Amino acid sequence: MEYSTRFYRKLFRQDDLVYFQVVIRQTDLSIGVRRDRYSTDLKHWVENLIHEQRTLLERYIGQDNSFLHSLSPCPLKPGAPPMAVDMAEVSRLAGVGPMAAVAGAFAQYVGSALARRSKDVVVENGGDIYLRSTRTRSIGIFAGESPLSNRIALEIKPEDTPLGICTSSGTVGPSLSLGRADAAVVVAHSAILADAVATAAANMVENRDDIKKAAEYATSIEGVRGALIIKDDHLAACGDLKIVPFQTGP
C-alpha cells in the first residue's frame, strides 16, 4: 500500500483547529492552530521560517557531508547552525545519525515558533508531531498493516505539553529504518529527541520478541517520557503513557 499521500492526516485532525499545509521541497508539514489565529499571513510567515531553516541546514550539509550520510553520531564542524547542533545532540543520546532527527527538528522549530502566536498548535511532519494544547487530546497511532493500526491512541493532558510525539517504522513510509517495526512511537520533551529515539527503537525490532527491549531502551534515555512499539498484532509500552481507543470525528 502506498502511504505517500499521507491520507492518515484527515483521520487525526482535531475538530477545534484549522489546518493548513506547507510543502517546501522534502519538508511537508500539516499544521493546526486555533481558528482565530489562522491567516494567509501566518502561512507565509511559516513558509519563510522553513525557507530560512532549510537554507542554514543545507548550507552546513554542503560543508559537512558526513552529517547527511552518517548512521551513527558524528562530530560537528565549526559554524553549525542551531538546528544541526540540536540534531547532533539528540543523535548522541540515541546512538543514531543526526539526520534521523530532521523531521522532528522542523516540527519542533515551527511548532515552538507558532506557540508564541497560538495557544493550541499541532505540527505534523511525516508522523513526527509537535504538540502544545490547552485541552486533552488523543493522538492516534498509525501502524501500517498491523491489526492495531488506527485502533489505539495516546491521551495527552494539556499540562504535559508542549512535547514531541514521533513515530518510526520499518514497514511504512520512505524513511530509512534498519528494523521491521510497524510503529515505534516515542513521547519526549521535544520532537527532535523523540524522532531520534523512535528511529533507534525501531532499528532494534526484527520480530515481535524485540518490542519489549526496544520500548525499555527508549525510556532509558533522559528526556523520554514514554514509548510504544508495535509489531504485527503485538504491542509493548513503557513509561508515562495513557493508551485509549482511537475514535475519529468530533
Protein backbone atom coordinates (compact mmCIF):
# COMPACT_ATOMS: atom_id res chain seq x y z
CA MET A 1 0.00 0.00 0.00
CA GLU A 2 1.27 3.49 -0.84
CA TYR A 3 1.26 5.91 2.09
CA SER A 4 2.99 8.85 0.38
CA THR A 5 -0.32 10.70 0.04
CA ARG A 6 -0.49 10.81 3.87
CA PHE A 7 -4.21 10.11 3.94
CA TYR A 8 -3.95 9.45 7.68
CA ARG A 9 -3.81 13.21 8.26
CA LYS A 10 -7.55 13.57 7.76
CA LEU A 11 -8.21 10.87 10.36
CA PHE A 12 -6.14 12.53 13.04
CA ARG A 13 -7.22 16.15 12.71
CA GLN A 14 -8.53 17.89 15.84
CA ASP A 15 -12.01 19.34 15.30
CA ASP A 16 -11.37 22.64 17.13
CA LEU A 17 -8.38 23.63 14.98
CA VAL A 18 -7.99 24.93 11.46
CA TYR A 19 -5.36 23.14 9.37
CA PHE A 20 -3.09 24.23 6.56
CA GLN A 21 -0.26 22.53 4.69
CA VAL A 22 3.18 23.89 3.94
CA VAL A 23 5.36 21.99 1.47
CA ILE A 24 8.88 23.16 0.68
CA ARG A 25 10.87 20.51 -1.15
CA GLN A 26 11.14 17.48 1.19
CA THR A 27 9.56 19.35 4.11
CA ASP A 28 5.81 18.62 4.18
CA LEU A 29 4.02 19.93 7.25
CA SER A 30 0.38 19.67 8.30
CA ILE A 31 -0.24 22.46 10.80
CA GLY A 32 -3.21 23.04 13.09
CA VAL A 33 -3.78 26.28 15.02
CA ARG A 34 -6.70 27.99 16.71
CA ARG A 35 -9.25 29.21 14.20
CA ASP A 36 -8.94 32.82 15.29
CA ARG A 37 -5.17 32.73 14.81
CA TYR A 38 -5.03 31.48 11.22
CA SER A 39 -4.42 33.86 8.33
CA THR A 40 -2.67 33.78 4.98
CA ASP A 41 -0.02 35.99 6.54
CA LEU A 42 0.60 33.31 9.17
CA LYS A 43 1.05 30.68 6.45
CA HIS A 44 3.52 32.91 4.60
CA TRP A 45 5.38 33.50 7.86
CA VAL A 46 5.73 29.73 8.36
CA GLU A 47 6.93 29.31 4.77
CA ASN A 48 9.61 31.96 5.34
CA LEU A 49 10.67 30.29 8.58
CA ILE A 50 11.09 26.93 6.87
CA HIS A 51 13.00 28.50 3.96
CA GLU A 52 15.35 30.15 6.45
CA GLN A 53 15.99 26.98 8.45
CA ARG A 54 16.38 24.80 5.34
CA THR A 55 18.89 27.25 3.87
CA LEU A 56 21.00 27.21 7.03
CA LEU A 57 20.91 23.42 7.30
CA GLU A 58 21.57 22.76 3.62
CA ARG A 59 24.48 25.21 3.62
CA TYR A 60 26.02 23.37 6.54
CA ILE A 61 25.45 19.93 4.99
CA GLY A 62 27.26 21.21 1.89
CA GLN A 63 30.33 21.70 4.10
CA ASP A 64 29.90 18.52 6.16
CA ASN A 65 28.73 15.61 4.03
CA SER A 66 29.13 13.13 6.88
CA PHE A 67 26.30 14.91 8.72
CA LEU A 68 23.97 13.89 5.90
CA HIS A 69 25.02 10.27 5.47
CA SER A 70 26.24 9.01 8.85
CA LEU A 71 24.09 6.36 10.56
CA SER A 72 25.83 6.99 13.89
CA PRO A 73 26.66 10.14 15.87
CA CYS A 74 29.32 12.33 14.29
CA PRO A 75 31.20 15.46 15.40
CA LEU A 76 30.10 18.86 14.14
CA LYS A 77 32.26 21.27 12.19
CA PRO A 78 32.60 24.88 13.40
CA GLY A 79 29.76 27.20 12.44
CA ALA A 80 26.97 24.60 12.55
CA PRO A 81 23.52 26.25 12.76
CA PRO A 82 21.33 25.73 15.84
CA MET A 83 19.17 23.07 14.17
CA ALA A 84 22.21 20.99 13.26
CA VAL A 85 23.52 21.36 16.82
CA ASP A 86 20.20 20.16 18.25
CA MET A 87 20.08 17.21 15.85
CA ALA A 88 23.66 16.20 16.66
CA GLU A 89 22.98 16.37 20.41
CA VAL A 90 19.98 14.02 20.33
CA SER A 91 21.76 11.68 17.91
CA ARG A 92 24.45 11.16 20.55
CA LEU A 93 21.81 10.33 23.15
CA ALA A 94 20.01 7.87 20.86
CA GLY A 95 23.03 6.40 19.08
CA VAL A 96 21.84 7.21 15.56
CA GLY A 97 22.91 9.56 12.79
CA PRO A 98 21.88 13.22 13.10
CA MET A 99 19.58 13.15 10.08
CA ALA A 100 17.39 10.66 11.98
CA ALA A 101 16.02 13.73 13.77
CA VAL A 102 15.48 16.05 10.80
CA ALA A 103 11.69 15.65 10.52
CA GLY A 104 11.24 16.14 14.24
CA ALA A 105 13.55 19.16 14.13
CA PHE A 106 11.39 21.00 11.60
CA ALA A 107 8.23 20.07 13.53
CA GLN A 108 9.83 21.37 16.74
CA TYR A 109 11.18 24.62 15.29
CA VAL A 110 7.94 25.51 13.52
CA GLY A 111 5.76 24.38 16.42
CA SER A 112 7.65 26.28 19.11
CA ALA A 113 7.61 29.41 16.95
CA LEU A 114 3.86 29.10 16.34
CA ALA A 115 3.25 28.52 20.06
CA ARG A 116 4.04 32.20 20.56
CA ARG A 117 1.06 33.04 18.32
CA SER A 118 -1.45 30.30 19.14
CA LYS A 119 -2.05 28.57 22.48
CA ASP A 120 -3.02 25.38 20.64
CA VAL A 121 -0.61 24.10 17.98
CA VAL A 122 -0.17 20.77 16.19
CA VAL A 123 2.64 20.39 13.66
CA GLU A 124 2.93 17.00 11.94
CA ASN A 125 5.84 16.16 9.67
CA GLY A 126 5.66 12.61 8.30
CA GLY A 127 4.38 11.13 11.55
CA ASP A 128 6.52 13.34 13.79
CA ILE A 129 4.46 15.74 15.88
CA TYR A 130 4.98 18.87 17.97
CA LEU A 131 2.01 19.48 20.25
CA ARG A 132 1.01 22.33 22.51
CA SER A 133 -2.54 22.21 23.83
CA THR A 134 -4.96 23.77 26.30
CA ARG A 135 -7.23 20.72 26.26
CA THR A 136 -6.86 16.95 26.49
CA ARG A 137 -6.20 15.41 23.07
CA SER A 138 -5.98 11.90 21.63
CA ILE A 139 -3.18 11.24 19.15
CA GLY A 140 -3.94 8.19 17.02
CA ILE A 141 -1.34 5.54 16.20
CA PHE A 142 -0.95 4.59 12.54
CA ALA A 143 0.96 1.30 12.16
CA GLY A 144 0.52 0.30 8.54
CA GLU A 145 -0.90 -3.20 8.05
CA SER A 146 -0.83 -4.11 11.75
CA PRO A 147 -4.27 -5.05 13.16
CA LEU A 148 -3.60 -2.39 15.82
CA SER A 149 -3.29 0.41 13.25
CA ASN A 150 -5.86 3.19 13.79
CA ARG A 151 -7.24 1.27 16.79
CA ILE A 152 -5.45 2.96 19.68
CA ALA A 153 -4.37 6.46 20.65
CA LEU A 154 -2.29 8.27 23.24
CA GLU A 155 -4.21 10.60 25.54
CA ILE A 156 -2.24 13.79 26.15
CA LYS A 157 -3.08 16.16 29.00
CA PRO A 158 -2.58 19.91 28.43
CA GLU A 159 -0.28 20.23 31.44
CA ASP A 160 2.09 17.73 29.80
CA THR A 161 2.58 19.91 26.71
CA PRO A 162 4.48 21.15 24.84
CA LEU A 163 6.01 17.85 23.80
CA GLY A 164 7.02 15.74 20.82
CA ILE A 165 5.29 12.55 19.68
CA CYS A 166 7.26 10.83 16.94
CA THR A 167 6.86 7.58 15.03
CA SER A 168 9.38 5.50 13.12
CA SER A 169 8.55 2.42 11.06
CA GLY A 170 10.35 -0.25 9.10
CA THR A 171 7.19 -1.16 7.15
CA VAL A 172 5.57 2.22 6.42
CA GLY A 173 6.89 5.24 4.54
CA PRO A 174 10.14 6.12 2.76
CA SER A 175 12.35 6.92 5.77
CA LEU A 176 15.32 4.64 6.42
CA SER A 177 14.85 2.09 9.19
CA LEU A 178 17.14 -0.83 9.95
CA GLY A 179 14.33 -2.80 11.64
CA ARG A 180 10.86 -4.13 10.91
CA ALA A 181 8.66 -2.39 13.48
CA ASP A 182 5.22 -1.39 12.25
CA ALA A 183 5.40 1.60 14.60
CA ALA A 184 7.85 2.80 17.22
CA VAL A 185 6.21 5.75 18.97
CA VAL A 186 8.17 7.91 21.40
CA VAL A 187 6.93 10.77 23.58
CA ALA A 188 9.60 13.20 24.77
CA HIS A 189 10.08 16.78 25.88
CA SER A 190 10.95 17.73 22.29
CA ALA A 191 10.10 16.36 18.86
CA ILE A 192 13.80 16.38 17.96
CA LEU A 193 14.65 13.94 20.73
CA ALA A 194 11.50 11.88 20.16
CA ASP A 195 12.35 11.48 16.46
CA ALA A 196 15.91 10.28 17.07
CA VAL A 197 14.88 7.84 19.80
CA ALA A 198 11.96 6.50 17.74
CA THR A 199 14.44 5.73 14.96
CA ALA A 200 16.78 3.96 17.38
CA ALA A 201 13.94 1.91 18.89
CA ALA A 202 12.54 0.92 15.50
CA ASN A 203 16.01 -0.19 14.40
CA MET A 204 16.04 -2.75 17.21
CA VAL A 205 12.88 -4.59 16.10
CA GLU A 206 13.18 -7.55 13.76
CA ASN A 207 10.28 -9.54 15.19
CA ARG A 208 7.69 -9.29 17.96
CA ASP A 209 10.12 -10.70 20.53
CA ASP A 210 12.15 -7.48 20.25
CA ILE A 211 9.44 -4.95 21.08
CA LYS A 212 9.78 -5.03 24.87
CA LYS A 213 13.51 -4.39 24.87
CA ALA A 214 13.06 -1.61 22.29
CA ALA A 215 10.47 0.15 24.46
CA GLU A 216 12.67 -0.25 27.55
CA TYR A 217 15.68 1.11 25.68
CA ALA A 218 13.75 4.17 24.51
CA THR A 219 12.54 5.05 28.00
CA SER A 220 16.05 4.66 29.42
CA ILE A 221 17.11 7.83 27.57
CA GLU A 222 16.88 11.05 29.54
CA GLY A 223 14.05 13.29 28.34
CA VAL A 224 11.89 10.44 27.02
CA ARG A 225 8.54 10.15 28.80
CA GLY A 226 7.21 7.00 27.18
CA ALA A 227 7.49 4.59 24.26
CA LEU A 228 5.07 2.27 22.47
CA ILE A 229 6.26 -0.35 19.96
CA ILE A 230 4.01 -2.30 17.57
CA LYS A 231 4.96 -5.35 15.52
CA ASP A 232 2.13 -7.26 13.82
CA ASP A 233 -0.57 -7.81 16.48
CA HIS A 234 1.77 -7.32 19.44
CA LEU A 235 2.38 -4.17 21.47
CA ALA A 236 4.82 -3.17 24.21
CA ALA A 237 4.65 0.10 26.13
CA CYS A 238 6.85 1.68 28.81
CA GLY A 239 6.87 4.96 30.69
CA ASP A 240 4.23 7.57 31.39
CA LEU A 241 1.64 6.83 28.69
CA LYS A 242 -2.15 6.59 28.71
CA ILE A 243 -3.39 4.37 25.87
CA VAL A 244 -7.05 4.80 24.87
CA PRO A 245 -9.26 3.57 21.99
CA PHE A 246 -8.91 5.68 18.86
CA GLN A 247 -12.06 7.43 17.71
CA THR A 248 -12.50 9.52 14.57
CA GLY A 249 -14.68 12.58 14.28
CA PRO A 250 -15.66 15.28 16.78
